Amino acid sequence: EMEASWLVERLSVQYSGKDSTRKAR
């Protein structure tokens, strides 16, 4: 199952910056 922090790792280009985890969530 996916969670926000792991999604940031897998899509580092789409989710970057200090708010990356919040955007993924």
PDB file of all heavy atoms in Angstrom:
ATOM      1  N   GLU A   1       0.841  -1.184   0.000  1.00  0.00           N
ATOM      2  CA  GLU A   1       0.000   0.000   0.000  1.00  0.00           C
ATOM      3  C   GLU A   1       0.888   1.250   0.000  1.00  0.00           C
ATOM      4  O   GLU A   1       1.990   1.237   0.544  1.00  0.00           O
ATOM      5  CB  GLU A   1      -0.916  -0.001   1.222  1.00  0.00           C
ATOM      6  CG  GLU A   1      -1.869  -1.198   1.250  1.00  0.00           C
ATOM      7  CD  GLU A   1      -2.469  -1.424   2.615  1.00  0.00           C
ATOM      8  OE1 GLU A   1      -1.740  -1.886   3.503  1.00  0.00           O
ATOM      9  OE2 GLU A   1      -3.664  -1.138   2.788  1.00  0.00           O
ATOM     10  N   MET A   2       0.376   2.303  -0.594  1.00  0.00           N
ATOM     11  CA  MET A   2       1.155   3.523  -0.765  1.00  0.00           C
ATOM     12  C   MET A   2       0.909   4.478   0.389  1.00  0.00           C
ATOM     13  O   MET A   2      -0.187   4.525   0.953  1.00  0.00           O
ATOM     14  CB  MET A   2       0.775   4.202  -2.088  1.00  0.00           C
ATOM     15  CG  MET A   2       1.593   5.438  -2.423  1.00  0.00           C
ATOM     16  SD  MET A   2       3.347   5.072  -2.622  1.00  0.00           S
ATOM     17  CE  MET A   2       3.296   4.007  -4.078  1.00  0.00           C
ATOM     18  N   GLU A   3       1.952   5.232   0.750  1.00  0.00           N
ATOM     19  CA  GLU A   3       1.818   6.332   1.694  1.00  0.00           C
ATOM     20  C   GLU A   3       2.576   7.525   1.140  1.00  0.00           C
ATOM     21  O   GLU A   3       3.386   7.402   0.213  1.00  0.00           O
ATOM     22  CB  GLU A   3       2.304   5.952   3.080  1.00  0.00           C
ATOM     23  CG  GLU A   3       3.684   5.359   3.160  1.00  0.00           C
ATOM     24  CD  GLU A   3       3.981   4.849   4.566  1.00  0.00           C
ATOM     25  OE1 GLU A   3       3.634   5.543   5.530  1.00  0.00           O
ATOM     26  OE2 GLU A   3       4.547   3.742   4.692  1.00  0.00           O
ATOM     27  N   ALA A   4       2.309   8.704   1.686  1.00  0.00           N
ATOM     28  CA  ALA A   4       2.791   9.943   1.106  1.00  0.00           C
ATOM     29  C   ALA A   4       4.313   9.988   0.995  1.00  0.00           C
ATOM     30  O   ALA A   4       4.859  10.370  -0.044  1.00  0.00           O
ATOM     31  CB  ALA A   4       2.278  11.131   1.918  1.00  0.00           C
ATOM     32  N   SER A   5       5.007   9.594   2.040  1.00  0.00           N
ATOM     33  CA  SER A   5       6.471   9.675   2.016  1.00  0.00           C
ATOM     34  C   SER A   5       7.069   8.756   0.954  1.00  0.00           C
ATOM     35  O   SER A   5       8.054   9.113   0.294  1.00  0.00           O
ATOM     36  CB  SER A   5       7.030   9.321   3.392  1.00  0.00           C
ATOM     37  OG  SER A   5       6.611   8.022   3.783  1.00  0.00           O
ATOM     38  N   TRP A   6       6.478   7.588   0.774  1.00  0.00           N
ATOM     39  CA  TRP A   6       6.984   6.667  -0.243  1.00  0.00           C
ATOM     40  C   TRP A   6       6.676   7.184  -1.645  1.00  0.00           C
ATOM     41  O   TRP A   6       7.474   7.017  -2.573  1.00  0.00           O
ATOM     42  CB  TRP A   6       6.391   5.281  -0.017  1.00  0.00           C
ATOM     43  CG  TRP A   6       7.049   4.206  -0.826  1.00  0.00           C
ATOM     44  CD1 TRP A   6       8.337   4.201  -1.283  1.00  0.00           C
ATOM     45  CD2 TRP A   6       6.466   2.981  -1.282  1.00  0.00           C
ATOM     46  NE1 TRP A   6       8.599   3.053  -1.987  1.00  0.00           N
ATOM     47  CE2 TRP A   6       7.463   2.286  -2.003  1.00  0.00           C
ATOM     48  CE3 TRP A   6       5.217   2.403  -1.140  1.00  0.00           C
ATOM     49  CZ2 TRP A   6       7.240   1.040  -2.579  1.00  0.00           C
ATOM     50  CZ3 TRP A   6       4.988   1.164  -1.703  1.00  0.00           C
ATOM     51  CH2 TRP A   6       5.985   0.488  -2.425  1.00  0.00           C
ATOM     52  N   LEU A   7       5.530   7.823  -1.813  1.00  0.00           N
ATOM     53  CA  LEU A   7       5.186   8.392  -3.110  1.00  0.00           C
ATOM     54  C   LEU A   7       6.177   9.482  -3.500  1.00  0.00           C
ATOM     55  O   LEU A   7       6.526   9.618  -4.675  1.00  0.00           O
ATOM     56  CB  LEU A   7       3.761   8.950  -3.069  1.00  0.00           C
ATOM     57  CG  LEU A   7       3.201   9.501  -4.379  1.00  0.00           C
ATOM     58  CD1 LEU A   7       3.137   8.409  -5.442  1.00  0.00           C
ATOM     59  CD2 LEU A   7       1.814  10.090  -4.165  1.00  0.00           C
ATOM     60  N   VAL A   8       6.644  10.265  -2.532  1.00  0.00           N
ATOM     61  CA  VAL A   8       7.652  11.292  -2.810  1.00  0.00           C
ATOM     62  C   VAL A   8       8.943  10.638  -3.297  1.00  0.00           C
ATOM     63  O   VAL A   8       9.600  11.146  -4.223  1.00  0.00           O
ATOM     64  CB  VAL A   8       7.904  12.143  -1.554  1.00  0.00           C
ATOM     65  CG1 VAL A   8       9.068  13.096  -1.773  1.00  0.00           C
ATOM     66  CG2 VAL A   8       6.651  12.931  -1.191  1.00  0.00           C
ATOM     67  N   GLU A   9       9.327   9.512  -2.713  1.00  0.00           N
ATOM     68  CA  GLU A   9      10.532   8.815  -3.148  1.00  0.00           C
ATOM     69  C   GLU A   9      10.395   8.304  -4.573  1.00  0.00           C
ATOM     70  O   GLU A   9      11.338   8.383  -5.367  1.00  0.00           O
ATOM     71  CB  GLU A   9      10.832   7.647  -2.208  1.00  0.00           C
ATOM     72  CG  GLU A   9      11.186   8.053  -0.785  1.00  0.00           C
ATOM     73  CD  GLU A   9      11.431   6.851   0.103  1.00  0.00           C
ATOM     74  OE1 GLU A   9      11.588   5.737  -0.454  1.00  0.00           O
ATOM     75  OE2 GLU A   9      11.470   6.999   1.334  1.00  0.00           O
ATOM     76  N   ARG A  10       9.227   7.796  -4.918  1.00  0.00           N
ATOM     77  CA  ARG A  10       9.023   7.211  -6.247  1.00  0.00           C
ATOM     78  C   ARG A  10       8.820   8.264  -7.317  1.00  0.00           C
ATOM     79  O   ARG A  10       9.130   8.019  -8.486  1.00  0.00           O
ATOM     80  CB  ARG A  10       7.829   6.254  -6.205  1.00  0.00           C
ATOM     81  CG  ARG A  10       8.031   5.046  -5.303  1.00  0.00           C
ATOM     82  CD  ARG A  10       6.760   4.225  -5.190  1.00  0.00           C
ATOM     83  NE  ARG A  10       6.409   3.575  -6.433  1.00  0.00           N
ATOM     84  CZ  ARG A  10       6.521   2.267  -6.675  1.00  0.00           C
ATOM     85  NH1 ARG A  10       7.034   1.477  -5.739  1.00  0.00           N
ATOM     86  NH2 ARG A  10       6.161   1.757  -7.835  1.00  0.00           N
ATOM     87  N   LEU A  11       8.297   9.421  -6.939  1.00  0.00           N
ATOM     88  CA  LEU A  11       8.047  10.508  -7.897  1.00  0.00           C
ATOM     89  C   LEU A  11       8.769  11.774  -7.423  1.00  0.00           C
ATOM     90  O   LEU A  11       8.147  12.786  -7.138  1.00  0.00           O
ATOM     91  CB  LEU A  11       6.543  10.764  -8.033  1.00  0.00           C
ATOM     92  CG  LEU A  11       5.696   9.615  -8.587  1.00  0.00           C
ATOM     93  CD1 LEU A  11       4.226   9.979  -8.565  1.00  0.00           C
ATOM     94  CD2 LEU A  11       6.132   9.247 -10.002  1.00  0.00           C
ATOM     95  N   SER A  12      10.064  11.688  -7.352  1.00  0.00           N
ATOM     96  CA  SER A  12      10.839  12.820  -6.832  1.00  0.00           C
ATOM     97  C   SER A  12      10.775  14.037  -7.759  1.00  0.00           C
ATOM     98  O   SER A  12      10.956  15.168  -7.308  1.00  0.00           O
ATOM     99  CB  SER A  12      12.295  12.398  -6.634  1.00  0.00           C
ATOM    100  OG  SER A  12      12.843  11.900  -7.851  1.00  0.00           O
ATOM    101  N   VAL A  13      10.530  13.828  -9.039  1.00  0.00           N
ATOM    102  CA  VAL A  13      10.450  14.960  -9.967  1.00  0.00           C
ATOM    103  C   VAL A  13       9.149  15.723  -9.772  1.00  0.00           C
ATOM    104  O   VAL A  13       9.135  16.962  -9.727  1.00  0.00           O
ATOM    105  CB  VAL A  13      10.570  14.463 -11.426  1.00  0.00           C
ATOM    106  CG1 VAL A  13      10.393  15.618 -12.399  1.00  0.00           C
ATOM    107  CG2 VAL A  13      11.911  13.780 -11.641  1.00  0.00           C
ATOM    108  N   GLN A  14       8.029  15.012  -9.641  1.00  0.00           N
ATOM    109  CA  GLN A  14       6.736  15.668  -9.448  1.00  0.00           C
ATOM    110  C   GLN A  14       6.612  16.286  -8.064  1.00  0.00           C
ATOM    111  O   GLN A  14       5.949  17.301  -7.905  1.00  0.00           O
ATOM    112  CB  GLN A  14       5.586  14.678  -9.676  1.00  0.00           C
ATOM    113  CG  GLN A  14       5.369  14.292 -11.133  1.00  0.00           C
ATOM    114  CD  GLN A  14       6.250  13.134 -11.559  1.00  0.00           C
ATOM    115  OE1 GLN A  14       7.257  12.827 -10.911  1.00  0.00           O
ATOM    116  NE2 GLN A  14       5.873  12.477 -12.643  1.00  0.00           N
ATOM    117  N   TYR A  15       7.219  15.643  -7.065  1.00  0.00           N
ATOM    118  CA  TYR A  15       7.113  16.139  -5.694  1.00  0.00           C
ATOM    119  C   TYR A  15       8.501  16.560  -5.210  1.00  0.00           C
ATOM    120  O   TYR A  15       9.322  15.711  -4.857  1.00  0.00           O
ATOM    121  CB  TYR A  15       6.531  15.062  -4.769  1.00  0.00           C
ATOM    122  CG  TYR A  15       5.151  14.602  -5.168  1.00  0.00           C
ATOM    123  CD1 TYR A  15       4.970  13.401  -5.840  1.00  0.00           C
ATOM    124  CD2 TYR A  15       4.024  15.366  -4.881  1.00  0.00           C
ATOM    125  CE1 TYR A  15       3.701  12.973  -6.215  1.00  0.00           C
ATOM    126  CE2 TYR A  15       2.760  14.952  -5.253  1.00  0.00           C
ATOM    127  CZ  TYR A  15       2.606  13.746  -5.913  1.00  0.00           C
ATOM    128  OH  TYR A  15       1.358  13.332  -6.282  1.00  0.00           O
ATOM    129  N   SER A  16       8.745  17.849  -5.222  1.00  0.00           N
ATOM    130  CA  SER A  16      10.028  18.378  -4.790  1.00  0.00           C
ATOM    131  C   SER A  16       9.782  19.597  -3.908  1.00  0.00           C
ATOM    132  O   SER A  16       8.714  20.202  -3.936  1.00  0.00           O
ATOM    133  CB  SER A  16      10.894  18.757  -5.997  1.00  0.00           C
ATOM    134  OG  SER A  16      10.227  19.722  -6.797  1.00  0.00           O
ATOM    135  N   GLY A  17      10.782  19.950  -3.129  1.00  0.00           N
ATOM    136  CA  GLY A  17      10.645  21.093  -2.236  1.00  0.00           C
ATOM    137  C   GLY A  17      10.257  20.674  -0.839  1.00  0.00           C
ATOM    138  O   GLY A  17      10.028  19.495  -0.538  1.00  0.00           O
ATOM    139  N   LYS A  18      10.156  21.663   0.030  1.00  0.00           N
ATOM    140  CA  LYS A  18       9.888  21.371   1.431  1.00  0.00           C
ATOM    141  C   LYS A  18       8.460  20.882   1.680  1.00  0.00           C
ATOM    142  O   LYS A  18       8.190  20.234   2.684  1.00  0.00           O
ATOM    143  CB  LYS A  18      10.150  22.615   2.276  1.00  0.00           C
ATOM    144  CG  LYS A  18       9.260  23.800   1.928  1.00  0.00           C
ATOM    145  CD  LYS A  18       9.568  24.990   2.821  1.00  0.00           C
ATOM    146  CE  LYS A  18       8.653  26.174   2.504  1.00  0.00           C
ATOM    147  NZ  LYS A  18       8.928  27.328   3.392  1.00  0.00           N
ATOM    148  N   ASP A  19       7.511  21.193   0.792  1.00  0.00           N
ATOM    149  CA  ASP A  19       6.119  20.762   0.952  1.00  0.00           C
ATOM    150  C   ASP A  19       5.799  19.526   0.120  1.00  0.00           C
ATOM    151  O   ASP A  19       4.636  19.263  -0.194  1.00  0.00           O
ATOM    152  CB  ASP A  19       5.162  21.895   0.567  1.00  0.00           C
ATOM    153  CG  ASP A  19       5.266  23.072   1.509  1.00  0.00           C
ATOM    154  OD1 ASP A  19       5.642  22.857   2.669  1.00  0.00           O
ATOM    155  OD2 ASP A  19       4.969  24.210   1.083  1.00  0.00           O
ATOM    156  N   SER A  20       6.804  18.771  -0.262  1.00  0.00           N
ATOM    157  CA  SER A  20       6.582  17.633  -1.159  1.00  0.00           C
ATOM    158  C   SER A  20       5.674  16.576  -0.527  1.00  0.00           C
ATOM    159  O   SER A  20       4.761  16.063  -1.171  1.00  0.00           O
ATOM    160  CB  SER A  20       7.921  17.011  -1.556  1.00  0.00           C
ATOM    161  OG  SER A  20       8.648  16.613  -0.398  1.00  0.00           O
ATOM    162  N   THR A  21       5.908  16.266   0.743  1.00  0.00           N
ATOM    163  CA  THR A  21       5.087  15.248   1.401  1.00  0.00           C
ATOM    164  C   THR A  21       3.643  15.705   1.544  1.00  0.00           C
ATOM    165  O   THR A  21       2.707  14.917   1.369  1.00  0.00           O
ATOM    166  CB  THR A  21       5.671  14.908   2.780  1.00  0.00           C
ATOM    167  OG1 THR A  21       7.034  14.498   2.627  1.00  0.00           O
ATOM    168  CG2 THR A  21       4.886  13.790   3.448  1.00  0.00           C
ATOM    169  N   ARG A  22       3.447  16.976   1.843  1.00  0.00           N
ATOM    170  CA  ARG A  22       2.079  17.500   1.974  1.00  0.00           C
ATOM    171  C   ARG A  22       1.352  17.437   0.632  1.00  0.00           C
ATOM    172  O   ARG A  22       0.172  17.065   0.573  1.00  0.00           O
ATOM    173  CB  ARG A  22       2.122  18.937   2.472  1.00  0.00           C
ATOM    174  CG  ARG A  22       0.738  19.586   2.614  1.00  0.00           C
ATOM    175  CD  ARG A  22       0.850  21.041   3.016  1.00  0.00           C
ATOM    176  NE  ARG A  22       1.596  21.810   2.044  1.00  0.00           N
ATOM    177  CZ  ARG A  22       1.070  22.287   0.899  1.00  0.00           C
ATOM    178  NH1 ARG A  22      -0.196  22.039   0.593  1.00  0.00           N
ATOM    179  NH2 ARG A  22       1.813  22.981   0.066  1.00  0.00           N
ATOM    180  N   LYS A  23       2.037  17.765  -0.459  1.00  0.00           N
ATOM    181  CA  LYS A  23       1.417  17.709  -1.780  1.00  0.00           C
ATOM    182  C   LYS A  23       1.058  16.272  -2.142  1.00  0.00           C
ATOM    183  O   LYS A  23      -0.018  16.014  -2.706  1.00  0.00           O
ATOM    184  CB  LYS A  23       2.365  18.296  -2.818  1.00  0.00           C
ATOM    185  CG  LYS A  23       2.632  19.780  -2.644  1.00  0.00           C
ATOM    186  CD  LYS A  23       3.659  20.265  -3.649  1.00  0.00           C
ATOM    187  CE  LYS A  23       3.981  21.742  -3.449  1.00  0.00           C
ATOM    188  NZ  LYS A  23       5.025  22.217  -4.395  1.00  0.00           N
ATOM    189  N   ALA A  24       1.952  15.354  -1.820  1.00  0.00           N
ATOM    190  CA  ALA A  24       1.656  13.949  -2.113  1.00  0.00           C
ATOM    191  C   ALA A  24       0.462  13.464  -1.308  1.00  0.00           C
ATOM    192  O   ALA A  24      -0.405  12.746  -1.818  1.00  0.00           O
ATOM    193  CB  ALA A  24       2.889  13.090  -1.810  1.00  0.00           C
ATOM    194  N   ARG A  25       0.399  13.872  -0.042  1.00  0.00           N
ATOM    195  CA  ARG A  25      -0.727  13.477   0.805  1.00  0.00           C
ATOM    196  C   ARG A  25      -2.037  14.052   0.263  1.00  0.00           C
ATOM    197  O   ARG A  25      -3.074  13.386   0.266  1.00  0.00           O
ATOM    198  CB  ARG A  25      -0.487  13.947   2.234  1.00  0.00           C
ATOM    199  CG  ARG A  25      -1.514  13.422   3.232  1.00  0.00           C
ATOM    200  CD  ARG A  25      -1.242  13.935   4.633  1.00  0.00           C
ATOM    201  NE  ARG A  25       0.082  13.555   5.112  1.00  0.00           N
ATOM    202  CZ  ARG A  25       1.084  14.401   5.262  1.00  0.00           C
ATOM    203  NH1 ARG A  25       0.924  15.693   4.978  1.00  0.00           N
ATOM    204  NH2 ARG A  25       2.247  13.982   5.704  1.00  0.00           N
TER     205      ARG A  25
END
